[in-house]
Every structure is written in C-alpha cells, then in structure tokens.
C-alpha atoms as a PDB file:
ATOM      1  CA  UNK A   1     -20.542  -8.478 -16.103  1.00  0.00           C
ATOM      2  CA  UNK A   2     -23.370  -6.241 -15.331  1.00  0.00           C
ATOM      3  CA  UNK A   3     -22.577  -2.461 -15.681  1.00  0.00           C
ATOM      4  CA  UNK A   4     -25.312  -1.374 -12.686  1.00  0.00           C
ATOM      5  CA  UNK A   5     -23.700  -3.927 -10.392  1.00  0.00           C
ATOM      6  CA  UNK A   6     -20.085  -2.868 -11.029  1.00  0.00           C
ATOM      7  CA  UNK A   7     -21.076   0.936 -10.689  1.00  0.00           C
ATOM      8  CA  UNK A   8     -22.903   0.097  -7.323  1.00  0.00           C
ATOM      9  CA  UNK A   9     -19.580  -1.856  -6.078  1.00  0.00           C
ATOM     10  CA  UNK A  10     -17.378   1.043  -7.158  1.00  0.00           C
ATOM     11  CA  UNK A  11     -19.901   3.622  -5.381  1.00  0.00           C
ATOM     12  CA  UNK A  12     -19.403   1.614  -2.339  1.00  0.00           C
ATOM     13  CA  UNK A  13     -15.663   1.182  -2.226  1.00  0.00           C
ATOM     14  CA  UNK A  14     -15.480   5.213  -3.051  1.00  0.00           C
ATOM     15  CA  UNK A  15     -17.532   5.657   0.072  1.00  0.00           C
ATOM     16  CA  UNK A  16     -15.341   3.239   2.138  1.00  0.00           C
ATOM     17  CA  UNK A  17     -12.377   4.928   0.748  1.00  0.00           C
ATOM     18  CA  UNK A  18     -13.553   8.607   1.476  1.00  0.00           C
ATOM     19  CA  UNK A  19     -14.555   7.132   5.106  1.00  0.00           C
ATOM     20  CA  UNK A  20     -10.936   5.842   5.453  1.00  0.00           C
ATOM     21  CA  UNK A  21      -9.231   8.654   4.424  1.00  0.00           C
ATOM     22  CA  UNK A  22     -11.151  10.913   6.534  1.00  0.00           C
ATOM     23  CA  UNK A  23     -11.195   8.969   9.869  1.00  0.00           C
ATOM     24  CA  UNK A  24      -7.292   8.470   9.433  1.00  0.00           C
ATOM     25  CA  UNK A  25      -6.012  11.560   8.446  1.00  0.00           C
ATOM     26  CA  UNK A  26      -8.360  12.986  11.635  1.00  0.00           C
ATOM     27  CA  UNK A  27      -7.081  10.370  14.061  1.00  0.00           C
ATOM     28  CA  UNK A  28      -3.491  10.649  13.256  1.00  0.00           C
ATOM     29  CA  UNK A  29      -3.125  14.365  12.910  1.00  0.00           C
ATOM     30  CA  UNK A  30      -5.254  14.786  16.501  1.00  0.00           C
ATOM     31  CA  UNK A  31      -2.834  12.356  17.639  1.00  0.00           C
ATOM     32  CA  UNK A  32       0.531  12.952  16.563  1.00  0.00           C
ATOM     33  CA  UNK A  33      -0.303  16.713  17.265  1.00  0.00           C
ATOM     34  CA  UNK A  34      -0.632  15.863  20.965  1.00  0.00           C
ATOM     35  CA  UNK A  35       2.843  14.282  20.845  1.00  0.00           C
ATOM     36  CA  UNK A  36       4.220  17.208  18.799  1.00  0.00           C
ATOM     37  CA  UNK A  37       5.436  14.657  15.986  1.00  0.00           C
ATOM     38  CA  UNK A  38       5.142  16.640  12.869  1.00  0.00           C
ATOM     39  CA  UNK A  39       7.805  14.635  10.693  1.00  0.00           C
ATOM     40  CA  UNK A  40       5.029  11.080  11.645  1.00  0.00           C
ATOM     41  CA  UNK A  41       2.216  13.133  11.146  1.00  0.00           C
ATOM     42  CA  UNK A  42       3.672  13.611   7.164  1.00  0.00           C
ATOM     43  CA  UNK A  43       4.838  10.218   7.275  1.00  0.00           C
ATOM     44  CA  UNK A  44       1.191   8.887   7.560  1.00  0.00           C
ATOM     45  CA  UNK A  45       0.888  10.391   3.907  1.00  0.00           C
ATOM     46  CA  UNK A  46       2.869   7.817   2.768  1.00  0.00           C
ATOM     47  CA  UNK A  47       0.522   4.905   3.092  1.00  0.00           C
ATOM     48  CA  UNK A  48      -1.300   5.361   0.171  1.00  0.00           C
ATOM     49  CA  UNK A  49       1.899   5.426  -2.256  1.00  0.00           C
ATOM     50  CA  UNK A  50       3.266   2.274  -0.326  1.00  0.00           C
ATOM     51  CA  UNK A  51      -0.225   0.785  -1.207  1.00  0.00           C
ATOM     52  CA  UNK A  52      -0.351   2.055  -4.862  1.00  0.00           C
ATOM     53  CA  UNK A  53       3.076   0.531  -5.105  1.00  0.00           C
ATOM     54  CA  UNK A  54       2.109  -2.791  -3.691  1.00  0.00           C
ATOM     55  CA  UNK A  55      -1.102  -2.890  -5.661  1.00  0.00           C
ATOM     56  CA  UNK A  56       0.690  -2.362  -8.994  1.00  0.00           C
ATOM     57  CA  UNK A  57       3.427  -4.983  -8.052  1.00  0.00           C
ATOM     58  CA  UNK A  58       0.675  -7.364  -7.572  1.00  0.00           C
ATOM     59  CA  UNK A  59      -1.190  -6.265 -10.981  1.00  0.00           C
ATOM     60  CA  UNK A  60       1.974  -7.182 -12.424  1.00  0.00           C
ATOM     61  CA  UNK A  61       2.282 -10.656 -11.129  1.00  0.00           C
ATOM     62  CA  UNK A  62      -1.119 -11.506 -11.625  1.00  0.00           C
ATOM     63  CA  UNK A  63      -0.694 -10.452 -15.278  1.00  0.00           C
ATOM     64  CA  UNK A  64       2.340 -12.884 -15.267  1.00  0.00           C
ATOM     65  CA  UNK A  65       0.529 -15.742 -14.193  1.00  0.00           C
ATOM     66  CA  UNK A  66      -2.232 -15.086 -16.962  1.00  0.00           C
ATOM     67  CA  UNK A  67      -5.227 -14.680 -14.516  1.00  0.00           C
ATOM     68  CA  UNK A  68      -8.380 -12.936 -15.970  1.00  0.00           C
ATOM     69  CA  UNK A  69      -9.792  -9.841 -14.447  1.00  0.00           C
ATOM     70  CA  UNK A  70     -12.635 -12.195 -12.320  1.00  0.00           C
ATOM     71  CA  UNK A  71      -9.679 -14.045 -10.682  1.00  0.00           C
ATOM     72  CA  UNK A  72      -7.615 -10.629 -10.234  1.00  0.00           C
ATOM     73  CA  UNK A  73     -10.560  -8.958  -8.358  1.00  0.00           C
ATOM     74  CA  UNK A  74     -10.782 -12.027  -6.194  1.00  0.00           C
ATOM     75  CA  UNK A  75      -7.165 -11.400  -5.306  1.00  0.00           C
ATOM     76  CA  UNK A  76      -7.346  -7.954  -4.415  1.00  0.00           C
ATOM     77  CA  UNK A  77     -10.746  -8.988  -2.362  1.00  0.00           C
ATOM     78  CA  UNK A  78      -8.920 -11.256  -0.407  1.00  0.00           C
ATOM     79  CA  UNK A  79      -5.985  -9.017   0.014  1.00  0.00           C
ATOM     80  CA  UNK A  80      -7.815  -6.110   1.149  1.00  0.00           C
ATOM     81  CA  UNK A  81      -9.921  -8.244   3.633  1.00  0.00           C
ATOM     82  CA  UNK A  82      -6.671  -9.687   5.227  1.00  0.00           C
ATOM     83  CA  UNK A  83      -5.304  -6.247   5.368  1.00  0.00           C
ATOM     84  CA  UNK A  84      -8.294  -4.927   7.238  1.00  0.00           C
ATOM     85  CA  UNK A  85      -8.455  -7.624   9.608  1.00  0.00           C
ATOM     86  CA  UNK A  86      -4.699  -7.223  10.490  1.00  0.00           C
ATOM     87  CA  UNK A  87      -5.346  -3.788  11.537  1.00  0.00           C
ATOM     88  CA  UNK A  88      -8.970  -3.856  13.083  1.00  0.00           C
ATOM     89  CA  UNK A  89      -7.830  -4.577  16.676  1.00  0.00           C
ATOM     90  CA  UNK A  90      -5.293  -1.750  16.559  1.00  0.00           C
ATOM     91  CA  UNK A  91      -7.787   1.005  15.447  1.00  0.00           C
ATOM     92  CA  UNK A  92      -8.900   3.278  18.163  1.00  0.00           C
ATOM     93  CA  UNK A  93     -12.807   3.211  19.034  1.00  0.00           C
ATOM     94  CA  UNK A  94     -13.221   6.774  18.824  1.00  0.00           C
ATOM     95  CA  UNK A  95     -11.027  10.017  18.049  1.00  0.00           C
ATOM     96  CA  UNK A  96      -8.854  11.706  20.684  1.00  0.00           C
ATOM     97  CA  UNK A  97     -10.159  14.702  22.249  1.00  0.00           C
ATOM     98  CA  UNK A  98      -9.237  17.868  20.356  1.00  0.00           C
ATOM     99  CA  UNK A  99      -8.017  21.230  21.978  1.00  0.00           C
ATOM    100  CA  UNK A 100     -10.064  23.007  19.353  1.00  0.00           C
ATOM    101  CA  UNK A 101     -13.744  24.110  19.662  1.00  0.00           C
ATOM    102  CA  UNK A 102     -16.135  20.955  18.969  1.00  0.00           C
ATOM    103  CA  UNK A 103     -18.940  23.484  17.537  1.00  0.00           C
ATOM    104  CA  UNK A 104     -19.508  24.109  13.938  1.00  0.00           C
ATOM    105  CA  UNK A 105     -17.411  26.824  12.880  1.00  0.00           C
ATOM    106  CA  UNK A 106     -18.207  28.922   9.515  1.00  0.00           C
ATOM    107  CA  UNK A 107     -15.724  28.294   6.711  1.00  0.00           C
ATOM    108  CA  UNK A 108     -13.691  31.045   6.359  1.00  0.00           C
ATOM    109  CA  UNK A 109     -12.568  32.840   3.056  1.00  0.00           C
ATOM    110  CA  UNK A 110      -9.233  31.000   3.077  1.00  0.00           C
ATOM    111  CA  UNK A 111     -10.742  27.621   4.019  1.00  0.00           C
ATOM    112  CA  UNK A 112     -13.295  28.318   0.761  1.00  0.00           C
ATOM    113  CA  UNK A 113     -10.065  29.298  -1.597  1.00  0.00           C
ATOM    114  CA  UNK A 114      -8.513  26.131  -0.278  1.00  0.00           C
ATOM    115  CA  UNK A 115     -11.464  24.095  -0.712  1.00  0.00           C
ATOM    116  CA  UNK A 116     -11.778  25.328  -4.427  1.00  0.00           C
ATOM    117  CA  UNK A 117      -7.967  24.684  -5.053  1.00  0.00           C
ATOM    118  CA  UNK A 118      -8.208  21.050  -3.492  1.00  0.00           C
ATOM    119  CA  UNK A 119     -11.440  20.322  -5.700  1.00  0.00           C
ATOM    120  CA  UNK A 120      -9.381  21.383  -9.033  1.00  0.00           C
ATOM    121  CA  UNK A 121      -6.467  19.257  -7.623  1.00  0.00           C
ATOM    122  CA  UNK A 122      -8.854  16.403  -7.675  1.00  0.00           C
ATOM    123  CA  UNK A 123     -10.153  17.173 -11.118  1.00  0.00           C
ATOM    124  CA  UNK A 124      -6.385  17.247 -12.285  1.00  0.00           C
ATOM    125  CA  UNK A 125      -5.130  14.230 -10.854  1.00  0.00           C
ATOM    126  CA  UNK A 126      -8.048  11.847 -11.635  1.00  0.00           C
ATOM    127  CA  UNK A 127      -7.290  12.012 -15.187  1.00  0.00           C
ATOM    128  CA  UNK A 128      -3.803  11.278 -15.515  1.00  0.00           C
ATOM    129  CA  UNK A 129      -4.263   8.456 -12.629  1.00  0.00           C
ATOM    130  CA  UNK A 130      -7.001   6.916 -14.828  1.00  0.00           C
ATOM    131  CA  UNK A 131      -5.521   6.908 -18.113  1.00  0.00           C
ATOM    132  CA  UNK A 132      -1.923   6.706 -17.794  1.00  0.00           C
ATOM    133  CA  UNK A 133      -2.041   2.919 -17.283  1.00  0.00           C
ATOM    134  CA  UNK A 134      -4.087   2.688 -20.366  1.00  0.00           C
ATOM    135  CA  UNK A 135      -1.337   5.074 -22.286  1.00  0.00           C
ATOM    136  CA  UNK A 136       1.120   2.679 -21.169  1.00  0.00           C
ATOM    137  CA  UNK A 137      -0.714  -0.343 -22.882  1.00  0.00           C
ATOM    138  CA  UNK A 138      -0.693   1.421 -25.780  1.00  0.00           C
ATOM    139  CA  UNK A 139       3.102   2.135 -25.933  1.00  0.00           C
ATOM    140  CA  UNK A 140       3.702  -1.471 -24.783  1.00  0.00           C
ATOM    141  CA  UNK A 141       1.756  -3.682 -26.577  1.00  0.00           C
ATOM    142  CA  UNK A 142       3.345  -6.903 -25.594  1.00  0.00           C
ATOM    143  CA  UNK A 143       4.911  -7.944 -22.172  1.00  0.00           C
ATOM    144  CA  UNK A 144       4.356  -6.704 -18.680  1.00  0.00           C
ATOM    145  CA  UNK A 145       6.154  -3.469 -18.803  1.00  0.00           C
ATOM    146  CA  UNK A 146       3.459  -1.380 -19.066  1.00  0.00           C
ATOM    147  CA  UNK A 147       2.105  -2.915 -15.895  1.00  0.00           C
ATOM    148  CA  UNK A 148       5.042  -1.326 -14.057  1.00  0.00           C
ATOM    149  CA  UNK A 149       4.100   2.505 -14.522  1.00  0.00           C
ATOM    150  CA  UNK A 150       1.515   2.202 -11.674  1.00  0.00           C
ATOM    151  CA  UNK A 151       4.252   1.162  -9.075  1.00  0.00           C
ATOM    152  CA  UNK A 152       6.253   3.526 -10.339  1.00  0.00           C
ATOM    153  CA  UNK A 153       3.447   6.101  -9.601  1.00  0.00           C
ATOM    154  CA  UNK A 154       3.259   5.066  -6.430  1.00  0.00           C
ATOM    155  CA  UNK A 155       6.933   5.208  -5.543  1.00  0.00           C
ATOM    156  CA  UNK A 156       6.751   8.672  -6.853  1.00  0.00           C
ATOM    157  CA  UNK A 157       4.249   9.480  -4.598  1.00  0.00           C
ATOM    158  CA  UNK A 158       6.035   8.435  -1.458  1.00  0.00           C
ATOM    159  CA  UNK A 159       9.273  10.234  -2.691  1.00  0.00           C
ATOM    160  CA  UNK A 160       7.105  13.205  -3.028  1.00  0.00           C
ATOM    161  CA  UNK A 161       5.799  12.929   0.640  1.00  0.00           C
ATOM    162  CA  UNK A 162       9.434  12.215   2.055  1.00  0.00           C
ATOM    163  CA  UNK A 163      10.841  15.307   0.071  1.00  0.00           C
ATOM    164  CA  UNK A 164       8.401  17.194   2.140  1.00  0.00           C
ATOM    165  CA  UNK A 165       9.300  15.982   5.471  1.00  0.00           C
ATOM    166  CA  UNK A 166      13.010  16.293   4.752  1.00  0.00           C
ATOM    167  CA  UNK A 167      12.571  20.117   3.940  1.00  0.00           C
ATOM    168  CA  UNK A 168       9.725  20.613   6.506  1.00  0.00           C
ATOM    169  CA  UNK A 169      11.661  23.073   8.337  1.00  0.00           C
ATOM    170  CA  UNK A 170      12.533  25.079   5.563  1.00  0.00           C
ATOM    171  CA  UNK A 171       9.123  25.016   3.767  1.00  0.00           C
ATOM    172  CA  UNK A 172       6.393  27.229   3.811  1.00  0.00           C
ATOM    173  CA  UNK A 173       3.356  25.371   3.556  1.00  0.00           C
ATOM    174  CA  UNK A 174       1.514  27.611   1.474  1.00  0.00           C
ATOM    175  CA  UNK A 175       4.256  28.052  -1.012  1.00  0.00           C
ATOM    176  CA  UNK A 176       5.162  24.204  -1.074  1.00  0.00           C
ATOM    177  CA  UNK A 177       1.257  23.404  -1.721  1.00  0.00           C
ATOM    178  CA  UNK A 178       1.128  25.941  -4.823  1.00  0.00           C
ATOM    179  CA  UNK A 179       4.317  24.720  -6.242  1.00  0.00           C
ATOM    180  CA  UNK A 180       3.264  20.820  -6.049  1.00  0.00           C
ATOM    181  CA  UNK A 181       0.102  21.776  -7.914  1.00  0.00           C
ATOM    182  CA  UNK A 182       2.084  23.496 -10.659  1.00  0.00           C
ATOM    183  CA  UNK A 183       4.543  20.641 -10.700  1.00  0.00           C
ATOM    184  CA  UNK A 184       1.565  18.362 -11.168  1.00  0.00           C
ATOM    185  CA  UNK A 185       0.339  20.463 -13.763  1.00  0.00           C
ATOM    186  CA  UNK A 186       3.634  20.388 -15.720  1.00  0.00           C
ATOM    187  CA  UNK A 187       3.319  16.398 -15.640  1.00  0.00           C
ATOM    188  CA  UNK A 188      -0.385  16.155 -16.884  1.00  0.00           C
ATOM    189  CA  UNK A 189       0.343  18.600 -19.692  1.00  0.00           C
ATOM    190  CA  UNK A 190       3.794  16.602 -20.606  1.00  0.00           C
ATOM    191  CA  UNK A 191       1.414  13.632 -21.993  1.00  0.00           C
ATOM    192  CA  UNK A 192      -0.098  16.023 -24.263  1.00  0.00           C
ATOM    193  CA  UNK A 193       3.541  17.681 -25.140  1.00  0.00           C
ATOM    194  CA  UNK A 194       5.809  14.678 -25.682  1.00  0.00           C
ATOM    195  CA  UNK A 195       3.735  11.817 -27.577  1.00  0.00           C
ATOM    196  CA  UNK A 196       5.817   9.381 -26.859  1.00  0.00           C
ATOM    197  CA  UNK A 197       7.474   7.192 -23.790  1.00  0.00           C
ATOM    198  CA  UNK A 198       9.250  10.076 -22.261  1.00  0.00           C
ATOM    199  CA  UNK A 199       6.027  11.995 -21.930  1.00  0.00           C
ATOM    200  CA  UNK A 200       4.481   8.798 -20.215  1.00  0.00           C
ATOM    201  CA  UNK A 201       7.620   8.880 -18.032  1.00  0.00           C
ATOM    202  CA  UNK A 202       7.447  12.389 -17.089  1.00  0.00           C
ATOM    203  CA  UNK A 203       4.001  12.481 -16.226  1.00  0.00           C
ATOM    204  CA  UNK A 204       4.005   9.463 -14.069  1.00  0.00           C
ATOM    205  CA  UNK A 205       6.756  10.821 -12.198  1.00  0.00           C
ATOM    206  CA  UNK A 206       5.579  14.535 -11.808  1.00  0.00           C
ATOM    207  CA  UNK A 207       2.080  13.521 -11.481  1.00  0.00           C
ATOM    208  CA  UNK A 208       2.993  11.112  -8.770  1.00  0.00           C
ATOM    209  CA  UNK A 209       5.474  13.480  -7.099  1.00  0.00           C
ATOM    210  CA  UNK A 210       2.238  16.111  -6.333  1.00  0.00           C
ATOM    211  CA  UNK A 211      -0.442  13.495  -5.536  1.00  0.00           C
ATOM    212  CA  UNK A 212       0.138  12.902  -1.919  1.00  0.00           C
ATOM    213  CA  UNK A 213       2.373  16.186  -1.355  1.00  0.00           C
ATOM    214  CA  UNK A 214      -0.858  17.891  -2.195  1.00  0.00           C
ATOM    215  CA  UNK A 215      -2.899  16.276   0.119  1.00  0.00           C
ATOM    216  CA  UNK A 216      -0.532  16.364   2.990  1.00  0.00           C
ATOM    217  CA  UNK A 217       0.436  19.742   2.294  1.00  0.00           C
ATOM    218  CA  UNK A 218      -3.561  20.856   1.786  1.00  0.00           C
ATOM    219  CA  UNK A 219      -4.364  19.068   5.368  1.00  0.00           C
ATOM    220  CA  UNK A 220      -1.289  20.690   7.187  1.00  0.00           C
ATOM    221  CA  UNK A 221      -2.562  24.208   5.524  1.00  0.00           C
ATOM    222  CA  UNK A 222      -5.885  23.734   6.723  1.00  0.00           C
ATOM    223  CA  UNK A 223      -4.733  23.184   9.997  1.00  0.00           C
ATOM    224  CA  UNK A 224      -3.000  26.123  10.110  1.00  0.00           C
ATOM    225  CA  UNK A 225      -5.722  28.465   8.607  1.00  0.00           C
ATOM    226  CA  UNK A 226      -8.630  26.695  10.411  1.00  0.00           C
ATOM    227  CA  UNK A 227     -10.394  27.656  13.815  1.00  0.00           C
ATOM    228  CA  UNK A 228     -12.950  24.994  13.850  1.00  0.00           C
ATOM    229  CA  UNK A 229     -12.957  20.820  14.420  1.00  0.00           C
ATOM    230  CA  UNK A 230     -10.135  19.277  12.250  1.00  0.00           C
ATOM    231  CA  UNK A 231     -12.402  16.228  11.362  1.00  0.00           C
ATOM    232  CA  UNK A 232     -15.015  18.318   9.852  1.00  0.00           C
ATOM    233  CA  UNK A 233     -12.384  20.377   7.806  1.00  0.00           C
ATOM    234  CA  UNK A 234     -10.973  17.180   6.427  1.00  0.00           C
ATOM    235  CA  UNK A 235     -14.322  15.908   5.543  1.00  0.00           C
ATOM    236  CA  UNK A 236     -15.421  18.887   3.784  1.00  0.00           C
ATOM    237  CA  UNK A 237     -12.036  19.208   1.788  1.00  0.00           C
ATOM    238  CA  UNK A 238     -12.235  15.576   0.929  1.00  0.00           C
ATOM    239  CA  UNK A 239     -15.842  15.650  -0.415  1.00  0.00           C
ATOM    240  CA  UNK A 240     -14.506  18.675  -2.709  1.00  0.00           C
ATOM    241  CA  UNK A 241     -11.487  16.886  -3.673  1.00  0.00           C
ATOM    242  CA  UNK A 242     -14.132  13.733  -4.748  1.00  0.00           C
ATOM    243  CA  UNK A 243     -16.033  16.005  -6.599  1.00  0.00           C
ATOM    244  CA  UNK A 244     -13.500  16.862  -8.549  1.00  0.00           C
ATOM    245  CA  UNK A 245     -12.683  13.403  -9.229  1.00  0.00           C
ATOM    246  CA  UNK A 246     -16.435  13.040 -10.115  1.00  0.00           C
ATOM    247  CA  UNK A 247     -15.890  15.708 -12.961  1.00  0.00           C
ATOM    248  CA  UNK A 248     -12.779  14.478 -14.493  1.00  0.00           C
ATOM    249  CA  UNK A 249     -14.306  11.327 -16.024  1.00  0.00           C
ATOM    250  CA  UNK A 250     -17.414  12.964 -17.367  1.00  0.00           C
ATOM    251  CA  UNK A 251     -14.981  16.026 -19.030  1.00  0.00           C
ATOM    252  CA  UNK A 252     -12.805  13.140 -20.273  1.00  0.00           C
ATOM    253  CA  UNK A 253     -15.880  11.373 -22.044  1.00  0.00           C
ATOM    254  CA  UNK A 254     -17.046  14.859 -23.436  1.00  0.00           C
ATOM    255  CA  UNK A 255     -13.506  15.250 -24.926  1.00  0.00           C
ATOM    256  CA  UNK A 256     -13.780  11.734 -26.621  1.00  0.00           C
ATOM    257  CA  UNK A 257     -16.840  12.686 -28.064  1.00  0.00           C
ATOM    258  CA  UNK A 258     -16.244  16.048 -29.458  1.00  0.00           C
ATOM    259  CA  UNK A 259     -12.479  15.773 -30.080  1.00  0.00           C
ATOM    260  CA  UNK A 260     -11.797  12.077 -30.319  1.00  0.00           C
ATOM    261  CA  UNK A 261      -9.091  12.676 -28.193  1.00  0.00           C
ATOM    262  CA  UNK A 262      -8.121  12.920 -24.557  1.00  0.00           C
ATOM    263  CA  UNK A 263      -5.869  15.988 -25.059  1.00  0.00           C
ATOM    264  CA  UNK A 264      -8.307  18.603 -24.282  1.00  0.00           C
ATOM    265  CA  UNK A 265      -9.458  17.040 -21.259  1.00  0.00           C
ATOM    266  CA  UNK A 266      -5.922  16.597 -20.174  1.00  0.00           C
ATOM    267  CA  UNK A 267      -4.856  19.998 -21.100  1.00  0.00           C
ATOM    268  CA  UNK A 268      -7.944  21.529 -19.196  1.00  0.00           C
ATOM    269  CA  UNK A 269      -6.748  19.431 -16.222  1.00  0.00           C
ATOM    270  CA  UNK A 270      -3.388  20.802 -16.348  1.00  0.00           C
ATOM    271  CA  UNK A 271      -4.802  24.416 -16.092  1.00  0.00           C
ATOM    272  CA  UNK A 272      -7.160  23.449 -13.585  1.00  0.00           C
ATOM    273  CA  UNK A 273      -4.239  22.500 -11.312  1.00  0.00           C
ATOM    274  CA  UNK A 274      -2.353  25.336 -12.302  1.00  0.00           C
ATOM    275  CA  UNK A 275      -4.834  27.829 -11.496  1.00  0.00           C
ATOM    276  CA  UNK A 276      -5.505  26.164  -8.363  1.00  0.00           C
ATOM    277  CA  UNK A 277      -1.740  26.401  -7.338  1.00  0.00           C
ATOM    278  CA  UNK A 278      -1.983  30.003  -8.001  1.00  0.00           C
ATOM    279  CA  UNK A 279      -5.242  30.576  -6.030  1.00  0.00           C
ATOM    280  CA  UNK A 280      -3.504  28.879  -3.111  1.00  0.00           C
ATOM    281  CA  UNK A 281      -0.345  31.153  -3.410  1.00  0.00           C
ATOM    282  CA  UNK A 282      -2.380  34.277  -4.059  1.00  0.00           C
ATOM    283  CA  UNK A 283      -5.567  34.242  -2.653  1.00  0.00           C
ATOM    284  CA  UNK A 284      -5.070  32.782   0.716  1.00  0.00           C
ATOM    285  CA  UNK A 285      -4.076  35.729   3.306  1.00  0.00           C
ATOM    286  CA  UNK A 286      -2.237  34.137   6.329  1.00  0.00           C
END
C-alpha cells in the first residue's frame, strides 16, 4: 500500500519490459533476417498481443474468484516467474553477428522523423490503453463484462499483426505505418465522439489493431532506412516510445485538473497519432 514502493516496483518492471522488447526484437530480427523469413520476423510481434489476451482472461478469472488486489499481484508474479523459467534455457547468450557496421552511426534525418513519430505513437497509445478498462467499468458496474475488454484489445492487436503479415508482399511499409497510426487515432477519438459502449468498443478494436502493427512496421521501416546497428536503432526508438508513454499520464492528469475530463487529453492523443502518421507519410524520404 506504500505509494513510493509501488512507484519503485513499477519503474523496475518498466525497465525490465523495455530491455525485453529491445533484446527480443534485436535477436529475432537479426536471426530471422539471416534465414530470409520476413513472415516469421513479423509473427514475433503477435507475442505481446497474445500475452495481453491471456493476462486479461486471467484477470477475468481472478475477478470471478473474488480475489483481492494483493492476491491478484501474487498470481501474476508466479505466472511471470514460471514463464521466465520456462524460456530461460532457450534464450541465446549473445546476439547473432550482424552484417551491418557495428560502429555507432549518426541518426539520419529519416530516423529522426521516425523517432518523433514513434514517440507520438507511445503518447497516443498510452492514454486509451490506461483508461479503457476504467471506462468499461463505468459502463458495466456489475458483472465481469468489463474485464473482457482487455482480452479483446489483445486479440485486436494480434489481428493487426496478422493482417500486416497477410498483405506484406503488397504493402508499402511507410504507407502502412502511416495508415496504422491514423486508424489508431480514429480509435482514440471515438471515445470522445461516441459517449456509450459503441465508442468504447470501436476504441478497443481500432486502438488494439494499431498497437502492435505500429511497433512492427516501425521496426521494419527503421531497418529499411538505417545503416547502423539494428540493436542501437531499436533501443533509441524504444526510448522515444517510452518517453511518449511517460508524457501521456502527465497530460491526462493536467486534463482532469483543468477541465475535469479526460476528453481533452484523448483528443490531443488522437491528434498526436494523426500528426505522427502524416509525418511518416510525408517527411520520410526513401
């Protein structure tokens, strides 16, 4: 119940999550690139969506069993530890050798624009991802229906990646990334436009569809336009995304304080996503 300890543990889990994302992305992209397996490279990004779905279903089961918050965290901790032990022996000790130069290359103009757009994606994503479940609870005050919106978000995220895989041969990565950001912007704005369950459902589906698709397409586009080491590029892009996620809650807090509503913050998030999509489409020169 100590706020300082909660903040510390959340910070540590955030660092662990960022490390996992950077290392797994770098490892899988380098390994699968040598095997010329772009579809498998894309399929890696379904992992977080499946995890979100399973986590949401676990939350629904925890709620159905009537467990309180500390018991729920204990269940999640055991689940995470079991998953880590299960895969630990299969992880590589080092990243595979890259055919790219290992020396640090200056960030190009294109990568700077991509970093700015990806940071806006982090900012635009975090608000609905944080508050969708709270909005669901406000509509469904009884029963466990509200708990199903998080698994639905995860399934939508997996569907977005599978759509990219299905149409990979026909997609222009740059245009697909721009479109994904604009679709996610529409999802965020729908909560403000429709003040009912319909808006919540549209937001859940469209925000989920764009979530991992944006991540996957950003990493693919970064690989196309970067000449430096992929691990460094992934790390810098992830730090930008995390910075956007950090700014999001501060903006939501200011929105509630000044306007007594999340709507201004959500509209700003939608505008940020749309602007990021336009930046990708127009500013990045191949």
